């Protein structure tokens, strides 16, 4: 299997929703209009492809200067544990440069994953949760 990584490649809401659904990440996968809005308003998207199949997505909101919020990191179940998530983050960081910090909110089930790929746990974050 040869995975190709692309920056800002066109993706559809259906493709992204399928990766979210398969990966186990909690996102509004049955609301394709909202998924499309998430795609359209991201500042940076890095994708992983196995042939014509989208198998991984890293979607970020950033100022390209100081900070970047990694809002989605998802890899299809069939392609997990192959280093794709690590590579998506690596490509994202490479594109952003060394001046930009990368932060994210982790699902409870992924708390052990992120330190393995270079993230440090922060105890100084605050959150106002969305209503829906």
N, C-alpha and C. Protein backbone atom coordinates (compact mmCIF):
# COMPACT_ATOMS: atom_id res chain seq x y z
N UNK A 1 0.84 -1.17 0.00
CA UNK A 1 0.00 0.00 0.00
C UNK A 1 0.89 1.25 0.00
N UNK A 2 0.55 2.16 -0.88
CA UNK A 2 1.29 3.41 -0.97
C UNK A 2 0.33 4.56 -0.67
N UNK A 3 0.56 5.26 0.43
CA UNK A 3 -0.30 6.37 0.83
C UNK A 3 0.31 7.66 0.32
N UNK A 4 -0.52 8.49 -0.29
CA UNK A 4 -0.09 9.80 -0.80
C UNK A 4 -0.69 10.87 0.09
N UNK A 5 0.12 11.86 0.45
CA UNK A 5 -0.33 12.96 1.29
C UNK A 5 -0.46 14.21 0.44
N UNK A 6 -1.56 14.94 0.66
CA UNK A 6 -1.83 16.14 -0.12
C UNK A 6 -2.23 17.28 0.80
N UNK A 7 -1.77 18.46 0.45
CA UNK A 7 -2.16 19.67 1.16
C UNK A 7 -3.19 20.40 0.31
N UNK A 8 -4.31 20.72 0.94
CA UNK A 8 -5.39 21.46 0.29
C UNK A 8 -5.97 20.76 -0.95
N UNK A 9 -5.99 19.44 -0.92
CA UNK A 9 -6.63 18.69 -2.01
C UNK A 9 -8.14 18.80 -1.86
N UNK A 10 -8.85 18.89 -2.96
CA UNK A 10 -10.31 18.93 -2.86
C UNK A 10 -10.86 17.63 -2.26
N UNK A 11 -11.79 17.79 -1.32
CA UNK A 11 -12.48 16.65 -0.72
C UNK A 11 -13.96 16.98 -0.63
N UNK A 12 -14.77 15.95 -0.59
CA UNK A 12 -16.21 16.17 -0.45
C UNK A 12 -16.63 15.89 0.99
N UNK A 13 -17.79 16.41 1.34
CA UNK A 13 -18.34 16.16 2.66
C UNK A 13 -18.58 14.66 2.87
N UNK A 14 -19.00 13.98 1.82
CA UNK A 14 -19.24 12.53 1.91
C UNK A 14 -17.94 11.80 2.23
N UNK A 15 -16.84 12.15 1.56
CA UNK A 15 -15.55 11.51 1.81
C UNK A 15 -15.08 11.74 3.24
N UNK A 16 -15.15 12.99 3.68
CA UNK A 16 -14.69 13.33 5.02
C UNK A 16 -15.57 12.67 6.07
N UNK A 17 -16.87 12.70 5.87
CA UNK A 17 -17.79 12.06 6.82
C UNK A 17 -17.50 10.57 6.93
N UNK A 18 -17.16 9.94 5.83
CA UNK A 18 -16.86 8.51 5.86
C UNK A 18 -15.58 8.23 6.66
N UNK A 19 -14.57 9.07 6.49
CA UNK A 19 -13.35 8.90 7.29
C UNK A 19 -13.67 9.11 8.77
N UNK A 20 -14.43 10.16 9.09
CA UNK A 20 -14.82 10.40 10.48
C UNK A 20 -15.58 9.20 11.03
N UNK A 21 -16.54 8.73 10.28
CA UNK A 21 -17.38 7.59 10.73
C UNK A 21 -16.51 6.36 10.98
N UNK A 22 -15.65 6.05 10.04
CA UNK A 22 -14.80 4.87 10.14
C UNK A 22 -13.78 4.98 11.27
N UNK A 23 -13.27 6.19 11.47
CA UNK A 23 -12.20 6.38 12.46
C UNK A 23 -12.70 6.26 13.90
N UNK A 24 -13.97 6.55 14.09
CA UNK A 24 -14.52 6.55 15.43
C UNK A 24 -14.56 7.93 16.07
N UNK A 25 -14.05 8.96 15.38
CA UNK A 25 -14.09 10.32 15.91
C UNK A 25 -15.54 10.80 15.94
N UNK A 26 -15.89 11.51 16.98
CA UNK A 26 -17.27 11.98 17.12
C UNK A 26 -17.42 13.32 16.39
N UNK A 27 -18.11 13.27 15.27
CA UNK A 27 -18.38 14.45 14.46
C UNK A 27 -19.79 14.30 13.88
N UNK A 28 -20.40 15.39 13.42
CA UNK A 28 -21.79 15.32 12.91
C UNK A 28 -21.86 14.70 11.51
N UNK A 29 -21.52 13.42 11.41
CA UNK A 29 -21.37 12.75 10.12
C UNK A 29 -22.67 12.63 9.32
N UNK A 30 -23.80 12.76 9.96
CA UNK A 30 -25.06 12.69 9.24
C UNK A 30 -25.56 14.05 8.77
N UNK A 31 -24.80 15.09 9.09
CA UNK A 31 -25.14 16.44 8.67
C UNK A 31 -24.08 16.89 7.65
N UNK A 32 -24.27 16.48 6.40
CA UNK A 32 -23.27 16.77 5.37
C UNK A 32 -23.09 18.26 5.11
N UNK A 33 -24.14 19.04 5.29
CA UNK A 33 -24.00 20.49 5.10
C UNK A 33 -23.04 21.07 6.15
N UNK A 34 -23.13 20.56 7.36
CA UNK A 34 -22.22 21.03 8.41
C UNK A 34 -20.80 20.55 8.17
N UNK A 35 -20.65 19.31 7.73
CA UNK A 35 -19.31 18.80 7.38
C UNK A 35 -18.71 19.65 6.26
N UNK A 36 -19.51 20.00 5.26
CA UNK A 36 -19.02 20.84 4.16
C UNK A 36 -18.58 22.21 4.67
N UNK A 37 -19.33 22.75 5.60
CA UNK A 37 -18.97 24.04 6.20
C UNK A 37 -17.66 23.92 6.96
N UNK A 38 -17.47 22.80 7.65
CA UNK A 38 -16.21 22.56 8.36
C UNK A 38 -15.04 22.52 7.38
N UNK A 39 -15.23 21.87 6.25
CA UNK A 39 -14.19 21.79 5.22
C UNK A 39 -13.91 23.17 4.64
N UNK A 40 -14.96 23.86 4.27
CA UNK A 40 -14.83 25.16 3.60
C UNK A 40 -14.14 26.20 4.47
N UNK A 41 -14.35 26.12 5.78
CA UNK A 41 -13.83 27.16 6.66
C UNK A 41 -12.53 26.80 7.37
N UNK A 42 -11.98 25.65 7.08
CA UNK A 42 -10.67 25.30 7.62
C UNK A 42 -9.62 26.14 6.91
N UNK A 43 -8.57 26.49 7.63
CA UNK A 43 -7.47 27.25 7.02
C UNK A 43 -6.47 26.34 6.34
N UNK A 44 -6.37 25.10 6.80
CA UNK A 44 -5.39 24.17 6.26
C UNK A 44 -5.91 22.74 6.43
N UNK A 45 -5.90 22.00 5.35
CA UNK A 45 -6.31 20.60 5.38
C UNK A 45 -5.23 19.75 4.73
N UNK A 46 -4.80 18.72 5.46
CA UNK A 46 -3.85 17.75 4.93
C UNK A 46 -4.59 16.42 4.87
N UNK A 47 -4.49 15.76 3.74
CA UNK A 47 -5.22 14.50 3.55
C UNK A 47 -4.28 13.36 3.19
N UNK A 48 -4.74 12.15 3.46
CA UNK A 48 -4.01 10.94 3.11
C UNK A 48 -4.90 10.12 2.19
N UNK A 49 -4.30 9.62 1.12
CA UNK A 49 -5.05 8.90 0.09
C UNK A 49 -4.40 7.56 -0.19
N UNK A 50 -5.22 6.53 -0.27
CA UNK A 50 -4.80 5.21 -0.74
C UNK A 50 -5.46 5.05 -2.10
N UNK A 51 -4.72 5.38 -3.15
CA UNK A 51 -5.30 5.44 -4.48
C UNK A 51 -6.29 6.59 -4.54
N UNK A 52 -7.53 6.30 -4.91
CA UNK A 52 -8.57 7.33 -4.97
C UNK A 52 -9.37 7.43 -3.68
N UNK A 53 -9.03 6.63 -2.69
CA UNK A 53 -9.78 6.60 -1.43
C UNK A 53 -9.15 7.51 -0.39
N UNK A 54 -9.95 8.43 0.15
CA UNK A 54 -9.52 9.27 1.26
C UNK A 54 -9.46 8.39 2.51
N UNK A 55 -8.30 8.34 3.16
CA UNK A 55 -8.15 7.47 4.33
C UNK A 55 -7.73 8.24 5.58
N UNK A 56 -7.39 9.53 5.42
CA UNK A 56 -6.99 10.31 6.59
C UNK A 56 -7.18 11.79 6.35
N UNK A 57 -7.50 12.51 7.44
CA UNK A 57 -7.73 13.95 7.36
C UNK A 57 -7.15 14.63 8.60
N UNK A 58 -6.41 15.71 8.37
CA UNK A 58 -6.02 16.63 9.44
C UNK A 58 -6.55 17.99 9.01
N UNK A 59 -7.45 18.53 9.81
CA UNK A 59 -8.10 19.81 9.47
C UNK A 59 -7.77 20.81 10.56
N UNK A 60 -7.29 22.01 10.14
CA UNK A 60 -6.78 22.97 11.11
C UNK A 60 -7.29 24.38 10.87
N UNK A 61 -7.34 25.14 11.96
CA UNK A 61 -7.65 26.56 11.93
C UNK A 61 -6.41 27.27 12.46
N UNK A 62 -5.88 28.22 11.69
CA UNK A 62 -4.61 28.83 12.05
C UNK A 62 -4.46 30.25 11.52
N UNK A 63 -3.52 30.98 12.13
CA UNK A 63 -3.15 32.30 11.61
C UNK A 63 -1.84 32.21 10.81
N UNK A 64 -1.27 31.01 10.70
CA UNK A 64 -0.04 30.74 9.96
C UNK A 64 1.16 31.52 10.50
N UNK A 65 1.05 32.04 11.71
CA UNK A 65 2.12 32.86 12.24
C UNK A 65 2.48 32.49 13.68
N UNK A 66 1.47 32.20 14.50
CA UNK A 66 1.71 32.00 15.92
C UNK A 66 1.09 30.72 16.48
N UNK A 67 -0.13 30.43 16.06
CA UNK A 67 -0.80 29.25 16.62
C UNK A 67 -1.68 28.56 15.59
N UNK A 68 -1.93 27.30 15.85
CA UNK A 68 -2.77 26.48 14.99
C UNK A 68 -3.56 25.51 15.86
N UNK A 69 -4.86 25.47 15.64
CA UNK A 69 -5.72 24.52 16.34
C UNK A 69 -6.00 23.36 15.40
N UNK A 70 -5.56 22.19 15.77
CA UNK A 70 -5.82 20.98 14.99
C UNK A 70 -7.20 20.48 15.40
N UNK A 71 -8.20 20.82 14.62
CA UNK A 71 -9.58 20.52 15.00
C UNK A 71 -10.00 19.09 14.68
N UNK A 72 -9.38 18.47 13.70
CA UNK A 72 -9.69 17.08 13.36
C UNK A 72 -8.42 16.34 12.97
N UNK A 73 -8.25 15.16 13.51
CA UNK A 73 -7.23 14.22 13.06
C UNK A 73 -7.92 12.87 13.05
N UNK A 74 -8.17 12.36 11.85
CA UNK A 74 -8.92 11.11 11.73
C UNK A 74 -8.32 10.23 10.64
N UNK A 75 -8.24 8.95 10.93
CA UNK A 75 -7.75 7.96 9.97
C UNK A 75 -8.75 6.81 9.94
N UNK A 76 -9.12 6.38 8.76
CA UNK A 76 -10.05 5.26 8.60
C UNK A 76 -9.56 4.05 9.37
N UNK A 77 -10.49 3.34 9.95
CA UNK A 77 -10.17 2.16 10.77
C UNK A 77 -9.25 1.18 10.03
N UNK A 78 -9.52 0.98 8.74
CA UNK A 78 -8.72 0.03 7.95
C UNK A 78 -7.28 0.47 7.76
N UNK A 79 -6.99 1.76 8.03
CA UNK A 79 -5.65 2.28 7.80
C UNK A 79 -4.99 2.79 9.08
N UNK A 80 -5.60 2.50 10.23
CA UNK A 80 -5.01 2.91 11.49
C UNK A 80 -3.81 2.04 11.84
N UNK A 81 -2.94 2.58 12.67
CA UNK A 81 -1.72 1.90 13.16
C UNK A 81 -0.69 1.67 12.05
N UNK A 82 -0.75 2.53 11.03
CA UNK A 82 0.23 2.46 9.94
C UNK A 82 1.09 3.73 9.87
N UNK A 83 0.94 4.61 10.87
CA UNK A 83 1.72 5.84 10.90
C UNK A 83 1.10 6.99 10.12
N UNK A 84 -0.13 6.82 9.65
CA UNK A 84 -0.76 7.86 8.84
C UNK A 84 -1.08 9.10 9.67
N UNK A 85 -1.62 8.93 10.87
CA UNK A 85 -1.90 10.07 11.73
C UNK A 85 -0.64 10.85 12.06
N UNK A 86 0.41 10.13 12.38
CA UNK A 86 1.70 10.76 12.67
C UNK A 86 2.19 11.55 11.48
N UNK A 87 2.07 10.98 10.30
CA UNK A 87 2.54 11.66 9.09
C UNK A 87 1.67 12.87 8.75
N UNK A 88 0.36 12.77 8.97
CA UNK A 88 -0.51 13.93 8.75
C UNK A 88 -0.09 15.10 9.64
N UNK A 89 0.20 14.82 10.90
CA UNK A 89 0.64 15.88 11.82
C UNK A 89 2.00 16.41 11.40
N UNK A 90 2.89 15.53 10.99
CA UNK A 90 4.21 15.95 10.53
C UNK A 90 4.12 16.88 9.31
N UNK A 91 3.30 16.51 8.35
CA UNK A 91 3.12 17.34 7.15
C UNK A 91 2.49 18.69 7.51
N UNK A 92 1.54 18.66 8.42
CA UNK A 92 0.90 19.89 8.87
C UNK A 92 1.93 20.80 9.53
N UNK A 93 2.73 20.27 10.43
CA UNK A 93 3.75 21.06 11.12
C UNK A 93 4.79 21.59 10.14
N UNK A 94 5.19 20.78 9.19
CA UNK A 94 6.16 21.20 8.19
C UNK A 94 5.62 22.38 7.38
N UNK A 95 4.35 22.31 7.02
CA UNK A 95 3.73 23.37 6.23
C UNK A 95 3.60 24.66 7.06
N UNK A 96 3.32 24.53 8.35
CA UNK A 96 3.13 25.69 9.21
C UNK A 96 4.45 26.37 9.58
N UNK A 97 5.51 25.60 9.73
CA UNK A 97 6.80 26.16 10.12
C UNK A 97 7.01 26.13 11.63
N UNK A 98 8.21 26.47 12.03
CA UNK A 98 8.64 26.35 13.42
C UNK A 98 8.08 27.42 14.35
N UNK A 99 7.57 28.52 13.82
CA UNK A 99 7.06 29.60 14.66
C UNK A 99 5.65 29.34 15.18
N UNK A 100 4.98 28.34 14.63
CA UNK A 100 3.57 28.10 14.93
C UNK A 100 3.42 26.94 15.92
N UNK A 101 2.75 27.21 17.03
CA UNK A 101 2.45 26.14 17.99
C UNK A 101 1.20 25.41 17.53
N UNK A 102 1.13 24.14 17.87
CA UNK A 102 0.01 23.29 17.47
C UNK A 102 -0.69 22.80 18.73
N UNK A 103 -2.00 23.02 18.78
CA UNK A 103 -2.76 22.56 19.93
C UNK A 103 -4.01 21.84 19.48
N UNK A 104 -4.56 21.02 20.37
CA UNK A 104 -5.77 20.26 20.05
C UNK A 104 -6.49 19.87 21.32
N UNK A 105 -7.72 19.47 21.15
CA UNK A 105 -8.50 18.86 22.22
C UNK A 105 -8.59 17.37 21.90
N UNK A 106 -8.26 16.55 22.83
CA UNK A 106 -8.25 15.11 22.59
C UNK A 106 -9.52 14.44 23.09
N UNK A 107 -9.96 13.45 22.34
CA UNK A 107 -11.01 12.57 22.84
C UNK A 107 -10.40 11.76 23.98
N UNK A 108 -11.19 11.42 24.99
CA UNK A 108 -10.65 10.63 26.10
C UNK A 108 -9.93 9.36 25.65
N UNK A 109 -10.43 8.73 24.61
CA UNK A 109 -9.84 7.48 24.13
C UNK A 109 -8.49 7.69 23.44
N UNK A 110 -8.14 8.93 23.10
CA UNK A 110 -6.88 9.19 22.39
C UNK A 110 -5.83 9.86 23.27
N UNK A 111 -6.08 9.99 24.56
CA UNK A 111 -5.16 10.68 25.45
C UNK A 111 -3.76 10.07 25.47
N UNK A 112 -3.66 8.77 25.27
CA UNK A 112 -2.35 8.12 25.27
C UNK A 112 -1.65 8.23 23.92
N UNK A 113 -2.40 8.54 22.86
CA UNK A 113 -1.84 8.60 21.51
C UNK A 113 -1.01 9.85 21.29
N UNK A 114 -1.52 11.00 21.65
CA UNK A 114 -0.87 12.25 21.29
C UNK A 114 0.53 12.44 21.87
N UNK A 115 0.81 12.03 23.12
CA UNK A 115 2.19 12.13 23.59
C UNK A 115 3.16 11.29 22.75
N UNK A 116 2.66 10.22 22.15
CA UNK A 116 3.52 9.36 21.33
C UNK A 116 3.96 10.03 20.04
N UNK A 117 3.22 11.07 19.61
CA UNK A 117 3.57 11.73 18.35
C UNK A 117 4.06 13.16 18.58
N UNK A 118 4.51 13.45 19.82
CA UNK A 118 5.19 14.71 20.08
C UNK A 118 4.41 15.78 20.81
N UNK A 119 3.15 15.54 21.16
CA UNK A 119 2.37 16.53 21.89
C UNK A 119 2.67 16.43 23.39
N UNK A 120 2.67 17.58 24.04
CA UNK A 120 2.78 17.63 25.50
C UNK A 120 1.40 17.96 26.06
N UNK A 121 1.06 17.32 27.16
CA UNK A 121 -0.23 17.59 27.80
C UNK A 121 -0.17 18.97 28.46
N UNK A 122 -1.23 19.75 28.26
CA UNK A 122 -1.30 21.08 28.85
C UNK A 122 -2.38 21.10 29.93
N UNK A 123 -2.08 21.73 31.04
CA UNK A 123 -3.05 21.84 32.12
C UNK A 123 -3.62 23.25 32.22
N UNK A 124 -3.35 24.08 31.23
CA UNK A 124 -3.76 25.48 31.32
C UNK A 124 -4.71 25.87 30.19
N UNK A 125 -5.60 24.98 29.85
CA UNK A 125 -6.57 25.26 28.80
C UNK A 125 -7.96 25.43 29.39
N UNK A 126 -8.79 26.18 28.66
CA UNK A 126 -10.17 26.40 29.07
C UNK A 126 -11.08 26.16 27.87
N UNK A 127 -12.32 25.80 28.15
CA UNK A 127 -13.22 25.43 27.08
C UNK A 127 -14.64 25.86 27.39
N UNK A 128 -15.29 26.47 26.42
CA UNK A 128 -16.74 26.67 26.47
C UNK A 128 -17.29 25.72 25.41
N UNK A 129 -18.02 24.70 25.85
CA UNK A 129 -18.50 23.68 24.92
C UNK A 129 -19.61 24.20 24.03
N UNK A 130 -19.67 23.66 22.83
CA UNK A 130 -20.75 24.02 21.90
C UNK A 130 -22.06 23.44 22.40
N UNK A 131 -23.13 24.06 22.01
CA UNK A 131 -24.46 23.60 22.43
C UNK A 131 -24.87 22.37 21.64
N UNK A 132 -24.52 22.34 20.35
CA UNK A 132 -24.87 21.18 19.51
C UNK A 132 -23.81 20.87 18.51
